[in-house]
Amino acid sequence: MSLRKYLNLVLMLMVALALACGGGQEVVDEADLGEDDHALQKAATETAAGGGAAAAGSAAPVVADAATLNGLVKFEGPPPRMAPTPMSADPFCASSHSTTPLSQEVIVGAGGEMANVIVYVKNITGNFPPPAQEALLDQIGCEYVPRVSAVQAGQTVNIRNSDATLHNVHAMPAVNRQFNEGQPVKGMVSSKKFDKVEPKPFLIKCDVHGWMRSYMAVLPHPYHSVSKTDGNFSIGNLPPGSYTLVAWHERYGEQEQQVTVGANEQKDVTFTFRG
């Protein structure tokens, strides 16, 4: 058997194994990303550092006299120094970065602006159908993008491998069914739905590359956001009333504050985490 035939056979077996593990839920993305597209996505990711489709609040029916919460997340004190992420074990991962990347666990700007904090309304009642907009969790340069996200229960979440190397997606929710699926082919997508609300954001990791970690919140409503690199977040279309607002970070846990908004009110909210 020639080397080419042997390699093709190995690849076919890897794909078959991945599809079997996924219960037939994996499909190949229609657009197989080229190297230029990969580079553009990677650059956009490094600029946003946690932004993305899944990070934004989902659409909801328009509320008459709706209020908006405009928020800022700050970090007080010297931020912790992030350790470098050694990727030399996988040549593709190492070649995807011009320098050794740092851990994305804590991202703090020069003025204390804090990214990757999930902010959501805790105590709101009503019937909120899942949005038609699909969320995306990507794997770019052997890192999950976004690092932190929030989706609504029942919303479709597409998990894509944009890298030309093997990844596996190991999701560890507390209430919904856990899964662990291989994605050996660049452009491969697994479409998932978490039908039940999760009590806390849960870990999604890659068992092939131990540094790859992402956290996802599954909420019963669309009133949520994730702070950007400038620390800002926004929750709009909120019915007037009194609410408990929760801010969650993967290292520093969560904090709450009470907020009351009137009709058509624009209210500023600040959360401060301390090292």
Protein backbone atom coordinates (compact mmCIF):
# COMPACT_ATOMS: atom_id res chain seq x y z
CA MET A 1 0.00 0.00 0.00
CA SER A 2 1.37 3.44 -0.98
CA LEU A 3 1.94 6.12 1.65
CA ARG A 4 -0.76 8.33 0.11
CA LYS A 5 -3.36 5.56 0.25
CA TYR A 6 -2.38 4.80 3.84
CA LEU A 7 -2.77 8.45 4.91
CA ASN A 8 -6.14 8.71 3.16
CA LEU A 9 -7.33 5.58 4.95
CA VAL A 10 -6.24 6.97 8.33
CA LEU A 11 -8.07 10.25 7.66
CA MET A 12 -11.26 8.41 6.66
CA LEU A 13 -11.14 6.38 9.87
CA MET A 14 -10.66 9.54 11.97
CA VAL A 15 -13.67 11.21 10.35
CA ALA A 16 -15.83 8.11 10.82
CA LEU A 17 -14.85 7.94 14.49
CA ALA A 18 -15.70 11.63 15.01
CA LEU A 19 -19.11 11.22 13.38
CA ALA A 20 -19.85 8.15 15.47
CA CYS A 21 -18.99 9.98 18.69
CA GLY A 22 -21.21 12.89 17.70
CA GLY A 23 -24.34 10.83 17.12
CA GLY A 24 -24.47 12.04 13.52
CA GLN A 25 -24.65 15.69 14.52
CA GLU A 26 -21.42 16.86 12.90
CA VAL A 27 -21.38 18.30 9.40
CA VAL A 28 -18.67 19.87 7.29
CA ASP A 29 -18.94 23.64 6.98
CA GLU A 30 -19.89 24.76 3.47
CA ALA A 31 -17.05 27.28 3.38
CA ASP A 32 -13.71 25.59 3.89
CA LEU A 33 -11.66 28.48 5.27
CA GLY A 34 -8.52 29.33 3.34
CA GLU A 35 -5.28 30.45 4.92
CA ASP A 36 -6.05 34.14 4.26
CA ASP A 37 -9.48 33.78 5.87
CA HIS A 38 -7.87 32.03 8.83
CA ALA A 39 -5.39 34.87 9.29
CA LEU A 40 -8.15 37.49 9.11
CA GLN A 41 -10.24 35.65 11.68
CA LYS A 42 -7.26 35.30 13.96
CA ALA A 43 -6.45 39.01 13.76
CA ALA A 44 -10.06 39.94 14.49
CA THR A 45 -10.06 37.57 17.44
CA GLU A 46 -6.92 39.09 18.95
CA THR A 47 -8.46 42.56 18.59
CA ALA A 48 -11.79 41.62 20.14
CA ALA A 49 -10.31 39.23 22.75
CA GLY A 50 -13.55 37.58 23.68
CA GLY A 51 -16.03 39.13 21.28
CA GLY A 52 -18.10 37.13 18.83
CA ALA A 53 -21.61 36.09 17.94
CA ALA A 54 -22.16 34.15 21.12
CA ALA A 55 -20.93 36.95 23.34
CA ALA A 56 -23.64 39.42 22.42
CA GLY A 57 -27.11 39.38 23.92
CA SER A 58 -29.72 37.53 21.85
CA ALA A 59 -32.62 39.30 20.15
CA ALA A 60 -35.92 39.49 22.04
CA PRO A 61 -39.41 40.80 21.20
CA VAL A 62 -39.42 44.59 21.29
CA VAL A 63 -40.55 45.94 24.67
CA ALA A 64 -42.57 49.13 24.85
CA ASP A 65 -40.78 51.82 26.91
CA ALA A 66 -37.76 49.52 27.19
CA ALA A 67 -34.76 50.48 29.32
CA THR A 68 -31.06 49.92 28.64
CA LEU A 69 -28.25 49.04 31.03
CA ASN A 70 -24.88 50.41 29.91
CA GLY A 71 -22.19 48.87 32.03
CA LEU A 72 -18.50 48.87 32.78
CA VAL A 73 -16.44 46.12 34.43
CA LYS A 74 -13.28 47.24 36.20
CA PHE A 75 -10.40 45.47 37.93
CA GLU A 76 -8.95 47.08 41.04
CA GLY A 77 -5.30 46.56 41.88
CA PRO A 78 -2.41 45.13 39.86
CA PRO A 79 -3.74 42.45 37.51
CA PRO A 80 -2.19 38.99 37.75
CA ARG A 81 0.58 38.19 35.30
CA MET A 82 -0.63 35.61 32.81
CA ALA A 83 1.59 32.62 32.11
CA PRO A 84 2.70 31.82 28.55
CA THR A 85 0.89 29.00 26.78
CA PRO A 86 3.43 26.50 25.44
CA MET A 87 2.16 25.09 22.15
CA SER A 88 5.32 23.44 20.86
CA ALA A 89 3.81 19.94 21.17
CA ASP A 90 1.65 20.70 18.13
CA PRO A 91 3.60 22.37 15.28
CA PHE A 92 0.44 23.81 13.76
CA CYS A 93 -0.55 25.51 17.02
CA ALA A 94 2.93 26.92 17.52
CA SER A 95 3.11 28.23 13.96
CA SER A 96 -0.24 30.01 14.35
CA HIS A 97 1.32 32.64 16.63
CA SER A 98 4.28 34.92 16.01
CA THR A 99 5.10 34.84 19.73
CA THR A 100 4.09 32.50 22.53
CA PRO A 101 0.56 33.56 23.51
CA LEU A 102 -0.39 34.29 27.11
CA SER A 103 -3.23 32.67 29.00
CA GLN A 104 -6.58 34.40 28.39
CA GLU A 105 -7.87 33.67 31.89
CA VAL A 106 -7.68 37.33 33.02
CA ILE A 107 -7.69 40.16 30.49
CA VAL A 108 -7.29 43.65 31.98
CA GLY A 109 -6.59 46.84 30.05
CA ALA A 110 -4.21 49.65 30.96
CA GLY A 111 -6.99 51.52 32.77
CA GLY A 112 -8.31 48.46 34.61
CA GLU A 113 -10.93 47.60 31.99
CA MET A 114 -11.85 43.94 32.39
CA ALA A 115 -12.94 41.64 29.56
CA ASN A 116 -14.76 38.30 29.48
CA VAL A 117 -17.19 38.93 32.33
CA ILE A 118 -20.69 37.52 31.78
CA VAL A 119 -23.37 39.95 32.99
CA TYR A 120 -27.00 38.88 33.11
CA VAL A 121 -30.35 39.62 34.73
CA LYS A 122 -31.16 37.05 37.40
CA ASN A 123 -34.80 37.50 38.33
CA ILE A 124 -36.95 38.19 35.30
CA THR A 125 -40.15 36.30 34.48
CA GLY A 126 -41.76 35.68 31.13
CA ASN A 127 -41.76 33.40 28.14
CA PHE A 128 -38.67 33.90 25.98
CA PRO A 129 -38.49 31.65 22.90
CA PRO A 130 -34.93 30.85 21.81
CA PRO A 131 -33.61 33.21 19.14
CA ALA A 132 -33.25 32.18 15.54
CA GLN A 133 -29.73 33.63 15.47
CA GLU A 134 -27.13 30.89 15.90
CA ALA A 135 -24.17 31.32 18.22
CA LEU A 136 -20.65 30.35 17.19
CA LEU A 137 -17.84 28.87 19.25
CA ASP A 138 -14.76 28.67 17.05
CA GLN A 139 -11.30 27.13 17.40
CA ILE A 140 -8.70 29.47 15.89
CA GLY A 141 -4.97 29.20 16.44
CA CYS A 142 -5.62 26.41 18.96
CA GLU A 143 -7.67 28.70 21.18
CA TYR A 144 -11.42 28.86 21.76
CA VAL A 145 -13.06 32.00 20.40
CA PRO A 146 -14.77 33.49 22.28
CA ARG A 147 -13.20 32.51 25.59
CA VAL A 148 -16.46 33.30 27.41
CA SER A 149 -20.00 33.36 26.01
CA ALA A 150 -23.67 33.35 26.99
CA VAL A 151 -26.50 31.76 25.04
CA GLN A 152 -30.19 31.14 25.60
CA ALA A 153 -31.61 27.71 26.35
CA GLY A 154 -32.69 26.09 23.08
CA GLN A 155 -30.48 28.33 20.93
CA THR A 156 -28.37 26.59 18.29
CA VAL A 157 -24.65 26.69 19.04
CA ASN A 158 -22.28 25.88 16.17
CA ILE A 159 -18.85 24.66 17.30
CA ARG A 160 -16.31 24.92 14.49
CA ASN A 161 -12.73 23.81 13.96
CA SER A 162 -11.02 26.48 11.86
CA ASP A 163 -7.58 24.89 12.40
CA ALA A 164 -5.75 22.40 10.23
CA THR A 165 -5.15 20.13 13.20
CA LEU A 166 -7.15 17.71 15.33
CA HIS A 167 -9.28 19.17 18.12
CA ASN A 168 -11.88 17.58 20.33
CA VAL A 169 -14.72 19.40 22.02
CA HIS A 170 -15.36 18.24 25.59
CA ALA A 171 -18.37 20.11 27.03
CA MET A 172 -19.07 19.63 30.73
CA PRO A 173 -22.47 21.15 31.61
CA ALA A 174 -24.06 20.27 34.96
CA VAL A 175 -27.65 19.83 33.76
CA ASN A 176 -27.55 19.27 30.01
CA ARG A 177 -25.97 16.18 28.46
CA GLN A 178 -22.18 16.26 28.34
CA PHE A 179 -20.40 15.36 25.13
CA ASN A 180 -16.87 14.77 23.89
CA GLU A 181 -16.43 14.83 20.11
CA GLY A 182 -13.43 14.79 17.81
CA GLN A 183 -13.03 17.34 15.01
CA PRO A 184 -10.10 16.13 12.87
CA VAL A 185 -10.93 18.12 9.73
CA LYS A 186 -10.57 21.86 9.20
CA GLY A 187 -13.99 23.46 8.71
CA MET A 188 -15.86 20.72 10.60
CA VAL A 189 -18.88 21.99 12.58
CA SER A 190 -20.90 20.41 15.38
CA SER A 191 -24.34 21.93 15.93
CA LYS A 192 -25.64 21.70 19.49
CA LYS A 193 -28.56 22.88 21.60
CA PHE A 194 -28.56 23.13 25.38
CA ASP A 195 -32.26 22.84 26.16
CA LYS A 196 -31.99 23.31 29.93
CA VAL A 197 -30.84 26.34 31.88
CA GLU A 198 -27.47 25.84 33.59
CA PRO A 199 -27.00 27.03 37.21
CA LYS A 200 -23.47 28.28 36.45
CA PRO A 201 -21.31 28.78 33.35
CA PHE A 202 -19.66 25.47 32.45
CA LEU A 203 -16.32 24.46 31.03
CA ILE A 204 -15.67 23.45 27.44
CA LYS A 205 -12.16 22.12 26.87
CA CYS A 206 -10.00 20.31 24.35
CA ASP A 207 -8.42 17.09 25.60
CA VAL A 208 -5.88 17.19 22.76
CA HIS A 209 -4.60 20.65 23.73
CA GLY A 210 -4.93 21.04 27.48
CA TRP A 211 -4.64 24.85 27.45
CA MET A 212 -7.81 25.28 25.35
CA ARG A 213 -10.66 26.35 27.64
CA SER A 214 -13.94 28.17 27.15
CA TYR A 215 -16.87 28.92 29.46
CA MET A 216 -20.51 29.11 28.42
CA ALA A 217 -23.60 30.27 30.31
CA VAL A 218 -27.02 28.93 29.30
CA LEU A 219 -29.76 31.32 30.41
CA PRO A 220 -33.58 31.29 30.22
CA HIS A 221 -33.82 34.73 28.59
CA PRO A 222 -31.94 37.08 26.25
CA TYR A 223 -30.97 39.70 28.86
CA HIS A 224 -27.25 39.05 29.02
CA SER A 225 -23.96 40.37 27.71
CA VAL A 226 -20.19 39.82 27.95
CA SER A 227 -17.74 42.64 28.69
CA LYS A 228 -15.37 43.55 25.85
CA THR A 229 -11.71 44.50 26.04
CA ASP A 230 -12.74 48.05 26.97
CA GLY A 231 -14.76 46.65 29.89
CA ASN A 232 -18.08 47.76 28.39
CA PHE A 233 -21.27 45.75 28.16
CA SER A 234 -24.87 46.59 27.30
CA ILE A 235 -28.22 44.95 27.99
CA GLY A 236 -31.06 46.55 26.05
CA ASN A 237 -34.78 46.08 25.45
CA LEU A 238 -35.27 45.54 29.19
CA PRO A 239 -38.80 45.95 30.61
CA PRO A 240 -39.00 48.64 33.31
CA GLY A 241 -38.68 47.15 36.80
CA SER A 242 -36.32 46.10 39.58
CA TYR A 243 -33.78 43.36 38.97
CA THR A 244 -30.78 41.53 40.35
CA LEU A 245 -27.83 41.89 38.03
CA VAL A 246 -25.10 39.23 38.17
CA ALA A 247 -21.50 39.54 36.93
CA TRP A 248 -19.47 36.30 36.61
CA HIS A 249 -15.76 35.78 35.95
CA GLU A 250 -14.01 32.43 35.59
CA ARG A 251 -11.36 33.19 38.24
CA TYR A 252 -12.97 35.77 40.49
CA GLY A 253 -16.44 34.26 40.76
CA GLU A 254 -19.62 36.31 40.78
CA GLN A 255 -21.11 39.36 42.38
CA GLU A 256 -24.58 40.87 42.36
CA GLN A 257 -26.17 44.27 42.59
CA GLN A 258 -29.72 45.53 42.58
CA VAL A 259 -30.86 47.82 39.81
CA THR A 260 -34.16 49.57 39.05
CA VAL A 261 -34.91 51.00 35.61
CA GLY A 262 -37.79 53.14 34.49
CA ALA A 263 -39.47 53.50 31.13
CA ASN A 264 -37.01 54.49 28.38
CA GLU A 265 -34.25 54.92 30.97
CA GLN A 266 -30.56 54.61 30.14
CA LYS A 267 -28.78 53.52 33.31
CA ASP A 268 -25.06 53.17 33.92
CA VAL A 269 -23.83 50.23 36.00
CA THR A 270 -20.31 49.42 37.21
CA PHE A 271 -18.91 46.15 38.55
CA THR A 272 -15.49 46.08 40.19
CA PHE A 273 -13.45 42.91 40.71
CA ARG A 274 -10.45 42.89 43.05
CA GLY A 275 -7.39 40.72 42.89
